[in-house]
PDB file of N, CA and C in Angstrom:
ATOM      1  N   MET A   1       0.948  -1.120   0.259  1.00  0.00           N
ATOM      2  CA  MET A   1       0.100   0.037   0.094  1.00  0.00           C
ATOM      3  C   MET A   1       0.807   1.156  -0.023  1.00  0.00           C
ATOM      4  N   ALA A   2       0.823   2.084  -0.685  1.00  0.00           N
ATOM      5  CA  ALA A   2       1.427   3.130  -1.170  1.00  0.00           C
ATOM      6  C   ALA A   2       0.777   4.142  -0.456  1.00  0.00           C
ATOM      7  N   LYS A   3       1.770   5.029   0.353  1.00  0.00           N
ATOM      8  CA  LYS A   3       1.634   6.168   1.610  1.00  0.00           C
ATOM      9  C   LYS A   3       1.475   7.313   0.308  1.00  0.00           C
ATOM     10  N   GLY A   4       0.749   8.372   1.071  1.00  0.00           N
ATOM     11  CA  GLY A   4       0.821   9.474   0.067  1.00  0.00           C
ATOM     12  C   GLY A   4       1.738  10.441   0.369  1.00  0.00           C
ATOM     13  N   PRO A   5       1.743  11.676   0.271  1.00  0.00           N
ATOM     14  CA  PRO A   5       2.719  12.635   0.281  1.00  0.00           C
ATOM     15  C   PRO A   5       2.807  13.013   1.791  1.00  0.00           C
ATOM     16  N   THR A   6       4.347  13.057   2.280  1.00  0.00           N
ATOM     17  CA  THR A   6       4.402  13.506   3.727  1.00  0.00           C
ATOM     18  C   THR A   6       5.141  14.984   4.040  1.00  0.00           C
ATOM     19  N   VAL A   7       5.193  15.424   5.110  1.00  0.00           N
ATOM     20  CA  VAL A   7       5.899  16.708   5.618  1.00  0.00           C
ATOM     21  C   VAL A   7       6.597  16.275   6.839  1.00  0.00           C
ATOM     22  N   GLU A   8       7.915  16.857   6.936  1.00  0.00           N
ATOM     23  CA  GLU A   8       8.200  16.689   8.236  1.00  0.00           C
ATOM     24  C   GLU A   8       8.089  17.747   9.182  1.00  0.00           C
ATOM     25  N   VAL A   9       7.647  17.157  10.640  1.00  0.00           N
ATOM     26  CA  VAL A   9       7.362  18.101  11.450  1.00  0.00           C
ATOM     27  C   VAL A   9       8.440  18.265  12.885  1.00  0.00           C
ATOM     28  N   GLU A  10       8.526  19.095  13.344  1.00  0.00           N
ATOM     29  CA  GLU A  10       9.543  19.454  14.617  1.00  0.00           C
ATOM     30  C   GLU A  10       8.403  19.244  15.730  1.00  0.00           C
ATOM     31  N   ASN A  11       9.407  19.098  17.098  1.00  0.00           N
ATOM     32  CA  ASN A  11       8.555  19.205  18.124  1.00  0.00           C
ATOM     33  C   ASN A  11       9.220  19.863  19.055  1.00  0.00           C
ATOM     34  N   ILE A  12       8.806  21.018  19.524  1.00  0.00           N
ATOM     35  CA  ILE A  12       9.108  21.935  20.374  1.00  0.00           C
ATOM     36  C   ILE A  12       9.814  21.395  21.779  1.00  0.00           C
ATOM     37  N   ILE A  13       9.278  20.448  22.180  1.00  0.00           N
ATOM     38  CA  ILE A  13       9.446  19.893  23.909  1.00  0.00           C
ATOM     39  C   ILE A  13      10.783  18.977  23.056  1.00  0.00           C
ATOM     40  N   SER A  14      11.044  18.532  22.255  1.00  0.00           N
ATOM     41  CA  SER A  14      12.279  17.588  22.017  1.00  0.00           C
ATOM     42  C   SER A  14      13.025  18.209  20.847  1.00  0.00           C
ATOM     43  N   PRO A  15      13.671  19.309  21.245  1.00  0.00           N
ATOM     44  CA  PRO A  15      14.562  19.783  19.972  1.00  0.00           C
ATOM     45  C   PRO A  15      15.525  18.824  19.156  1.00  0.00           C
ATOM     46  N   GLY A  16      15.435  19.090  17.715  1.00  0.00           N
ATOM     47  CA  GLY A  16      16.023  18.211  16.978  1.00  0.00           C
ATOM     48  C   GLY A  16      15.219  16.951  16.888  1.00  0.00           C
ATOM     49  N   SER A  17      14.362  16.868  17.253  1.00  0.00           N
ATOM     50  CA  SER A  17      13.357  15.618  16.828  1.00  0.00           C
ATOM     51  C   SER A  17      12.585  16.055  15.609  1.00  0.00           C
ATOM     52  N   ARG A  18      12.669  14.927  14.672  1.00  0.00           N
ATOM     53  CA  ARG A  18      11.731  15.399  13.686  1.00  0.00           C
ATOM     54  C   ARG A  18      11.148  13.862  12.916  1.00  0.00           C
ATOM     55  N   HIS A  19       9.890  14.218  12.731  1.00  0.00           N
ATOM     56  CA  HIS A  19       8.993  12.931  11.976  1.00  0.00           C
ATOM     57  C   HIS A  19       8.453  13.379  10.642  1.00  0.00           C
ATOM     58  N   ARG A  20       7.966  12.539   9.816  1.00  0.00           N
ATOM     59  CA  ARG A  20       7.219  12.621   8.858  1.00  0.00           C
ATOM     60  C   ARG A  20       5.879  12.435   8.994  1.00  0.00           C
ATOM     61  N   VAL A  21       5.040  13.028   8.593  1.00  0.00           N
ATOM     62  CA  VAL A  21       3.448  12.809   9.151  1.00  0.00           C
ATOM     63  C   VAL A  21       2.431  13.169   7.676  1.00  0.00           C
ATOM     64  N   ASP A  22       1.525  12.587   7.359  1.00  0.00           N
ATOM     65  CA  ASP A  22       0.846  12.999   6.396  1.00  0.00           C
ATOM     66  C   ASP A  22       0.671  14.214   5.964  1.00  0.00           C
ATOM     67  N   ALA A  23       0.980  14.786   4.940  1.00  0.00           N
ATOM     68  CA  ALA A  23       0.875  16.090   4.344  1.00  0.00           C
ATOM     69  C   ALA A  23      -0.629  16.841   3.882  1.00  0.00           C
ATOM     70  N   GLY A  24      -1.514  16.116   3.711  1.00  0.00           N
ATOM     71  CA  GLY A  24      -2.816  16.467   3.507  1.00  0.00           C
ATOM     72  C   GLY A  24      -3.721  17.075   5.126  1.00  0.00           C
ATOM     73  N   LYS A  25      -3.481  15.876   5.872  1.00  0.00           N
ATOM     74  CA  LYS A  25      -3.922  15.980   7.062  1.00  0.00           C
ATOM     75  C   LYS A  25      -3.513  17.212   7.762  1.00  0.00           C
ATOM     76  N   TYR A  26      -2.207  17.496   7.734  1.00  0.00           N
ATOM     77  CA  TYR A  26      -1.098  18.423   8.578  1.00  0.00           C
ATOM     78  C   TYR A  26      -1.472  19.584   7.767  1.00  0.00           C
ATOM     79  N   GLU A  27      -1.919  19.758   6.499  1.00  0.00           N
ATOM     80  CA  GLU A  27      -1.860  21.118   6.060  1.00  0.00           C
ATOM     81  C   GLU A  27      -3.511  21.740   6.141  1.00  0.00           C
ATOM     82  N   ALA A  28      -4.415  20.358   6.155  1.00  0.00           N
ATOM     83  CA  ALA A  28      -5.749  21.058   6.560  1.00  0.00           C
ATOM     84  C   ALA A  28      -5.916  21.285   8.002  1.00  0.00           C
ATOM     85  N   MET A  29      -5.113  21.020   9.208  1.00  0.00           N
ATOM     86  CA  MET A  29      -5.080  21.301  10.448  1.00  0.00           C
ATOM     87  C   MET A  29      -4.261  22.495  10.677  1.00  0.00           C
ATOM     88  N   LYS A  30      -3.425  22.487  10.156  1.00  0.00           N
ATOM     89  CA  LYS A  30      -2.717  23.804  10.101  1.00  0.00           C
ATOM     90  C   LYS A  30      -3.346  25.168   9.707  1.00  0.00           C
ATOM     91  N   THR A  31      -4.281  25.084   8.553  1.00  0.00           N
ATOM     92  CA  THR A  31      -4.877  26.072   7.699  1.00  0.00           C
ATOM     93  C   THR A  31      -6.406  26.298   8.957  1.00  0.00           C
ATOM     94  N   ALA A  32      -6.694  25.385   9.486  1.00  0.00           N
ATOM     95  CA  ALA A  32      -8.004  25.287  10.426  1.00  0.00           C
ATOM     96  C   ALA A  32      -7.362  26.134  11.586  1.00  0.00           C
ATOM     97  N   MET A  33      -6.376  25.743  12.069  1.00  0.00           N
ATOM     98  CA  MET A  33      -5.918  26.098  13.574  1.00  0.00           C
ATOM     99  C   MET A  33      -5.426  27.644  13.166  1.00  0.00           C
ATOM    100  N   LEU A  34      -4.859  27.975  12.190  1.00  0.00           N
ATOM    101  CA  LEU A  34      -4.455  29.551  11.962  1.00  0.00           C
ATOM    102  C   LEU A  34      -5.581  30.393  11.874  1.00  0.00           C
ATOM    103  N   ALA A  35      -6.935  29.794  11.283  1.00  0.00           N
ATOM    104  CA  ALA A  35      -7.956  30.494  11.050  1.00  0.00           C
ATOM    105  C   ALA A  35      -8.821  30.964  12.598  1.00  0.00           C
ATOM    106  N   VAL A  36      -8.377  30.162  13.614  1.00  0.00           N
ATOM    107  CA  VAL A  36      -9.233  30.416  14.434  1.00  0.00           C
ATOM    108  C   VAL A  36      -8.533  30.799  15.647  1.00  0.00           C
ATOM    109  N   LEU A  37      -7.224  30.509  15.536  1.00  0.00           N
ATOM    110  CA  LEU A  37      -6.467  31.088  16.627  1.00  0.00           C
ATOM    111  C   LEU A  37      -6.286  32.608  16.951  1.00  0.00           C
ATOM    112  N   PRO A  38      -6.243  33.406  17.859  1.00  0.00           N
ATOM    113  CA  PRO A  38      -6.039  34.622  17.951  1.00  0.00           C
ATOM    114  C   PRO A  38      -4.665  35.325  17.619  1.00  0.00           C
ATOM    115  N   ASP A  39      -4.376  36.475  17.245  1.00  0.00           N
ATOM    116  CA  ASP A  39      -2.689  36.746  17.041  1.00  0.00           C
ATOM    117  C   ASP A  39      -2.397  37.775  18.353  1.00  0.00           C
ATOM    118  N   ALA A  40      -2.858  37.394  19.419  1.00  0.00           N
ATOM    119  CA  ALA A  40      -2.496  38.188  20.457  1.00  0.00           C
ATOM    120  C   ALA A  40      -2.627  37.240  21.842  1.00  0.00           C
ATOM    121  N   PRO A  41      -1.748  37.601  23.014  1.00  0.00           N
ATOM    122  CA  PRO A  41      -2.180  36.885  24.153  1.00  0.00           C
ATOM    123  C   PRO A  41      -3.306  37.289  24.783  1.00  0.00           C
ATOM    124  N   PRO A  42      -3.854  36.806  25.607  1.00  0.00           N
ATOM    125  CA  PRO A  42      -3.529  35.665  26.231  1.00  0.00           C
ATOM    126  C   PRO A  42      -3.693  34.425  25.415  1.00  0.00           C
ATOM    127  N   GLY A  43      -4.194  34.341  24.236  1.00  0.00           N
ATOM    128  CA  GLY A  43      -4.571  33.170  23.386  1.00  0.00           C
ATOM    129  C   GLY A  43      -5.928  32.404  23.718  1.00  0.00           C
ATOM    130  N   MET A  44      -6.074  31.411  23.013  1.00  0.00           N
ATOM    131  CA  MET A  44      -7.124  30.517  23.383  1.00  0.00           C
ATOM    132  C   MET A  44      -6.547  29.231  23.828  1.00  0.00           C
ATOM    133  N   ALA A  45      -7.544  28.715  24.807  1.00  0.00           N
ATOM    134  CA  ALA A  45      -6.808  27.370  25.579  1.00  0.00           C
ATOM    135  C   ALA A  45      -7.307  26.036  24.090  1.00  0.00           C
ATOM    136  N   VAL A  46      -6.251  25.259  24.650  1.00  0.00           N
ATOM    137  CA  VAL A  46      -6.141  24.130  23.768  1.00  0.00           C
ATOM    138  C   VAL A  46      -7.386  23.619  23.833  1.00  0.00           C
ATOM    139  N   ALA A  47      -8.214  23.256  24.604  1.00  0.00           N
ATOM    140  CA  ALA A  47      -9.411  22.295  24.547  1.00  0.00           C
ATOM    141  C   ALA A  47     -10.541  23.120  23.901  1.00  0.00           C
ATOM    142  N   ALA A  48     -10.076  24.413  23.627  1.00  0.00           N
ATOM    143  CA  ALA A  48     -11.273  25.145  22.854  1.00  0.00           C
ATOM    144  C   ALA A  48     -11.002  25.230  21.498  1.00  0.00           C
ATOM    145  N   ILE A  49      -9.959  24.571  20.949  1.00  0.00           N
ATOM    146  CA  ILE A  49      -9.539  24.623  19.572  1.00  0.00           C
ATOM    147  C   ILE A  49     -10.497  23.625  18.804  1.00  0.00           C
ATOM    148  N   LYS A  50     -10.440  22.458  19.099  1.00  0.00           N
ATOM    149  CA  LYS A  50     -11.095  21.263  18.575  1.00  0.00           C
ATOM    150  C   LYS A  50     -12.508  21.520  18.046  1.00  0.00           C
ATOM    151  N   PRO A  51     -13.456  22.387  18.932  1.00  0.00           N
ATOM    152  CA  PRO A  51     -14.829  22.289  18.523  1.00  0.00           C
ATOM    153  C   PRO A  51     -14.979  23.596  17.269  1.00  0.00           C
ATOM    154  N   LEU A  52     -13.901  24.266  17.295  1.00  0.00           N
ATOM    155  CA  LEU A  52     -13.785  25.510  16.508  1.00  0.00           C
ATOM    156  C   LEU A  52     -13.378  24.860  15.112  1.00  0.00           C
ATOM    157  N   VAL A  53     -12.219  23.892  15.156  1.00  0.00           N
ATOM    158  CA  VAL A  53     -11.577  23.630  14.006  1.00  0.00           C
ATOM    159  C   VAL A  53     -12.198  22.390  13.329  1.00  0.00           C
ATOM    160  N   VAL A  54     -12.755  21.419  14.028  1.00  0.00           N
ATOM    161  CA  VAL A  54     -13.603  20.042  13.250  1.00  0.00           C
ATOM    162  C   VAL A  54     -14.565  20.528  12.071  1.00  0.00           C
ATOM    163  N   PRO A  55     -15.107  21.731  12.341  1.00  0.00           N
ATOM    164  CA  PRO A  55     -16.195  22.066  11.317  1.00  0.00           C
ATOM    165  C   PRO A  55     -15.396  22.552   9.792  1.00  0.00           C
ATOM    166  N   LEU A  56     -14.295  22.954  10.255  1.00  0.00           N
ATOM    167  CA  LEU A  56     -13.513  23.444   8.951  1.00  0.00           C
ATOM    168  C   LEU A  56     -12.592  22.516   8.172  1.00  0.00           C
ATOM    169  N   LEU A  57     -12.435  21.206   8.922  1.00  0.00           N
ATOM    170  CA  LEU A  57     -11.823  20.063   8.369  1.00  0.00           C
ATOM    171  C   LEU A  57     -12.364  19.526   7.261  1.00  0.00           C
ATOM    172  N   PRO A  58     -11.677  19.068   6.379  1.00  0.00           N
ATOM    173  CA  PRO A  58     -12.301  18.047   4.996  1.00  0.00           C
ATOM    174  C   PRO A  58     -12.846  16.702   5.805  1.00  0.00           C
ATOM    175  N   ALA A  59     -13.919  16.555   5.463  1.00  0.00           N
ATOM    176  CA  ALA A  59     -14.578  15.162   6.128  1.00  0.00           C
ATOM    177  C   ALA A  59     -14.038  13.762   5.688  1.00  0.00           C
ATOM    178  N   ALA A  60     -13.356  14.320   4.207  1.00  0.00           N
ATOM    179  CA  ALA A  60     -12.829  13.083   3.773  1.00  0.00           C
ATOM    180  C   ALA A  60     -11.279  12.502   4.603  1.00  0.00           C
ATOM    181  N   LEU A  61     -10.874  13.819   5.157  1.00  0.00           N
ATOM    182  CA  LEU A  61      -9.660  13.418   6.121  1.00  0.00           C
ATOM    183  C   LEU A  61     -10.174  13.158   7.487  1.00  0.00           C
ATOM    184  N   PHE A  62     -10.973  13.596   7.712  1.00  0.00           N
ATOM    185  CA  PHE A  62     -11.222  13.726   9.324  1.00  0.00           C
ATOM    186  C   PHE A  62     -12.628  13.524   9.428  1.00  0.00           C
ATOM    187  N   PRO A  63     -13.142  12.321   9.292  1.00  0.00           N
ATOM    188  CA  PRO A  63     -14.585  12.065   8.944  1.00  0.00           C
ATOM    189  C   PRO A  63     -15.004  11.922  10.631  1.00  0.00           C
ATOM    190  N   GLY A  64     -16.231  13.013  10.987  1.00  0.00           N
ATOM    191  CA  GLY A  64     -16.365  12.945  12.449  1.00  0.00           C
ATOM    192  C   GLY A  64     -15.696  13.650  13.222  1.00  0.00           C
ATOM    193  N   GLY A  65     -14.754  14.288  12.748  1.00  0.00           N
ATOM    194  CA  GLY A  65     -13.432  14.917  13.527  1.00  0.00           C
ATOM    195  C   GLY A  65     -12.412  13.798  14.254  1.00  0.00           C
ATOM    196  N   ASP A  66     -12.611  12.505  13.444  1.00  0.00           N
ATOM    197  CA  ASP A  66     -11.867  11.640  13.948  1.00  0.00           C
ATOM    198  C   ASP A  66     -10.313  12.264  14.018  1.00  0.00           C
ATOM    199  N   LYS A  67      -9.542  11.606  15.075  1.00  0.00           N
ATOM    200  CA  LYS A  67      -8.015  12.121  15.252  1.00  0.00           C
ATOM    201  C   LYS A  67      -7.835  13.348  15.122  1.00  0.00           C
ATOM    202  N   ALA A  68      -8.818  14.268  15.308  1.00  0.00           N
ATOM    203  CA  ALA A  68      -8.384  15.725  15.441  1.00  0.00           C
ATOM    204  C   ALA A  68      -7.519  16.240  16.409  1.00  0.00           C
ATOM    205  N   GLY A  69      -7.800  15.353  17.456  1.00  0.00           N
ATOM    206  CA  GLY A  69      -7.217  16.024  18.786  1.00  0.00           C
ATOM    207  C   GLY A  69      -5.677  15.484  18.586  1.00  0.00           C
ATOM    208  N   TRP A  70      -5.472  14.494  18.188  1.00  0.00           N
ATOM    209  CA  TRP A  70      -3.824  14.295  17.687  1.00  0.00           C
ATOM    210  C   TRP A  70      -3.245  15.039  17.066  1.00  0.00           C
ATOM    211  N   TRP A  71      -3.858  15.720  15.857  1.00  0.00           N
ATOM    212  CA  TRP A  71      -3.525  16.296  15.029  1.00  0.00           C
ATOM    213  C   TRP A  71      -3.259  17.939  15.287  1.00  0.00           C
ATOM    214  N   ILE A  72      -4.114  18.089  16.088  1.00  0.00           N
ATOM    215  CA  ILE A  72      -4.026  19.678  16.668  1.00  0.00           C
ATOM    216  C   ILE A  72      -2.919  19.659  17.543  1.00  0.00           C
ATOM    217  N   LYS A  73      -2.362  18.607  18.674  1.00  0.00           N
ATOM    218  CA  LYS A  73      -1.435  18.519  19.208  1.00  0.00           C
ATOM    219  C   LYS A  73       0.154  18.597  18.368  1.00  0.00           C
ATOM    220  N   CYS A  74       0.007  17.877  17.243  1.00  0.00           N
ATOM    221  CA  CYS A  74       1.247  17.470  16.143  1.00  0.00           C
ATOM    222  C   CYS A  74       1.362  19.197  15.627  1.00  0.00           C
ATOM    223  N   VAL A  75       0.297  19.460  15.084  1.00  0.00           N
ATOM    224  CA  VAL A  75       0.301  20.752  14.425  1.00  0.00           C
ATOM    225  C   VAL A  75       1.151  21.945  15.581  1.00  0.00           C
ATOM    226  N   GLN A  76       0.266  21.792  16.298  1.00  0.00           N
ATOM    227  CA  GLN A  76       0.703  22.873  17.639  1.00  0.00           C
ATOM    228  C   GLN A  76       2.185  22.830  18.207  1.00  0.00           C
ATOM    229  N   LEU A  77       2.461  21.656  18.396  1.00  0.00           N
ATOM    230  CA  LEU A  77       4.163  21.569  18.440  1.00  0.00           C
ATOM    231  C   LEU A  77       5.341  21.883  17.305  1.00  0.00           C
ATOM    232  N   ASP A  78       4.754  21.661  16.033  1.00  0.00           N
ATOM    233  CA  ASP A  78       5.403  21.777  15.084  1.00  0.00           C
ATOM    234  C   ASP A  78       5.384  23.219  14.821  1.00  0.00           C
ATOM    235  N   LEU A  79       4.540  24.089  14.615  1.00  0.00           N
ATOM    236  CA  LEU A  79       4.315  25.419  14.802  1.00  0.00           C
ATOM    237  C   LEU A  79       5.070  26.020  15.646  1.00  0.00           C
ATOM    238  N   GLU A  80       4.758  25.887  17.015  1.00  0.00           N
ATOM    239  CA  GLU A  80       5.695  26.347  18.007  1.00  0.00           C
ATOM    240  C   GLU A  80       6.983  26.397  17.618  1.00  0.00           C
ATOM    241  N   ALA A  81       7.426  24.999  17.376  1.00  0.00           N
ATOM    242  CA  ALA A  81       8.910  24.958  17.318  1.00  0.00           C
ATOM    243  C   ALA A  81       9.256  26.075  15.957  1.00  0.00           C
ATOM    244  N   LYS A  82       8.601  26.212  15.221  1.00  0.00           N
ATOM    245  CA  LYS A  82       9.010  27.003  13.907  1.00  0.00           C
ATOM    246  C   LYS A  82       8.802  28.656  14.212  1.00  0.00           C
ATOM    247  N   GLY A  83       7.994  28.805  15.653  1.00  0.00           N
ATOM    248  CA  GLY A  83       7.739  30.149  15.827  1.00  0.00           C
ATOM    249  C   GLY A  83       6.426  30.905  15.038  1.00  0.00           C
ATOM    250  N   VAL A  84       5.871  29.825  14.728  1.00  0.00           N
ATOM    251  CA  VAL A  84       4.573  30.190  14.246  1.00  0.00           C
ATOM    252  C   VAL A  84       3.310  30.476  15.084  1.00  0.00           C
ATOM    253  N   LEU A  85       3.479  29.752  16.188  1.00  0.00           N
ATOM    254  CA  LEU A  85       2.570  30.111  17.404  1.00  0.00           C
ATOM    255  C   LEU A  85       3.524  29.914  18.616  1.00  0.00           C
ATOM    256  N   LYS A  86       2.624  30.809  19.592  1.00  0.00           N
ATOM    257  CA  LYS A  86       3.260  31.083  20.660  1.00  0.00           C
ATOM    258  C   LYS A  86       2.413  30.578  21.837  1.00  0.00           C
ATOM    259  N   ARG A  87       3.013  30.467  23.008  1.00  0.00           N
ATOM    260  CA  ARG A  87       1.858  29.721  24.189  1.00  0.00           C
ATOM    261  C   ARG A  87       1.802  30.672  25.321  1.00  0.00           C
ATOM    262  N   SER A  88       0.846  30.743  25.989  1.00  0.00           N
ATOM    263  CA  SER A  88       1.019  31.653  27.541  1.00  0.00           C
ATOM    264  C   SER A  88       0.645  30.334  28.391  1.00  0.00           C
ATOM    265  N   GLU A  89       1.488  30.623  29.264  1.00  0.00           N
ATOM    266  CA  GLU A  89       1.685  29.214  30.462  1.00  0.00           C
ATOM    267  C   GLU A  89       0.530  29.646  31.197  1.00  0.00           C
ATOM    268  N   LYS A  90      -0.053  28.283  31.888  1.00  0.00           N
ATOM    269  CA  LYS A  90      -0.690  28.061  33.282  1.00  0.00           C
ATOM    270  C   LYS A  90      -2.146  28.768  33.072  1.00  0.00           C
ATOM    271  N   PRO A  91      -3.210  28.832  32.561  1.00  0.00           N
ATOM    272  CA  PRO A  91      -3.250  27.409  31.858  1.00  0.00           C
ATOM    273  C   PRO A  91      -2.634  27.643  29.992  1.00  0.00           C
ATOM    274  N   VAL A  92      -2.133  26.648  29.602  1.00  0.00           N
ATOM    275  CA  VAL A  92      -1.647  26.812  28.193  1.00  0.00           C
ATOM    276  C   VAL A  92      -2.735  27.381  27.383  1.00  0.00           C
ATOM    277  N   ARG A  93      -2.042  28.423  26.720  1.00  0.00           N
ATOM    278  CA  ARG A  93      -3.233  29.323  25.800  1.00  0.00           C
ATOM    279  C   ARG A  93      -2.513  29.487  24.484  1.00  0.00           C
ATOM    280  N   LEU A  94      -2.948  29.112  23.240  1.00  0.00           N
ATOM    281  CA  LEU A  94      -1.847  29.506  21.902  1.00  0.00           C
ATOM    282  C   LEU A  94      -2.572  30.687  21.396  1.00  0.00           C
ATOM    283  N   TYR A  95      -1.595  31.395  20.810  1.00  0.00           N
ATOM    284  CA  TYR A  95      -1.896  32.432  19.701  1.00  0.00           C
ATOM    285  C   TYR A  95      -0.881  32.549  18.600  1.00  0.00           C
ATOM    286  N   ARG A  96      -1.074  33.165  17.526  1.00  0.00           N
ATOM    287  CA  ARG A  96      -0.331  33.080  16.295  1.00  0.00           C
ATOM    288  C   ARG A  96       0.702  34.122  16.737  1.00  0.00           C
ATOM    289  N   ALA A  97       2.245  34.094  16.284  1.00  0.00           N
ATOM    290  CA  ALA A  97       3.182  34.965  16.651  1.00  0.00           C
ATOM    291  C   ALA A  97       3.373  35.881  15.703  1.00  0.00           C
TER     292      ALA A  97
END
């Protein structure tokens, strides 16, 4: 079974660690997250992101929001490592850099 295109992601918690993930799902989640996250602190609680992004995701990639939570965390950590997202501490809230 052939795999589709992939994209390399980083992890702010583990500098230097890189993994390849499905490019279509990554890009869909990235676009949805950047559409809903504010551009200034204090930002949005991580738990508040999922109900806002699920309606924006392609049903073919995320049927019923399946696995959206995992992809939110994957994209969050990658975009934080790349400086696209920032976080406010306690409770963790995300916003665009």
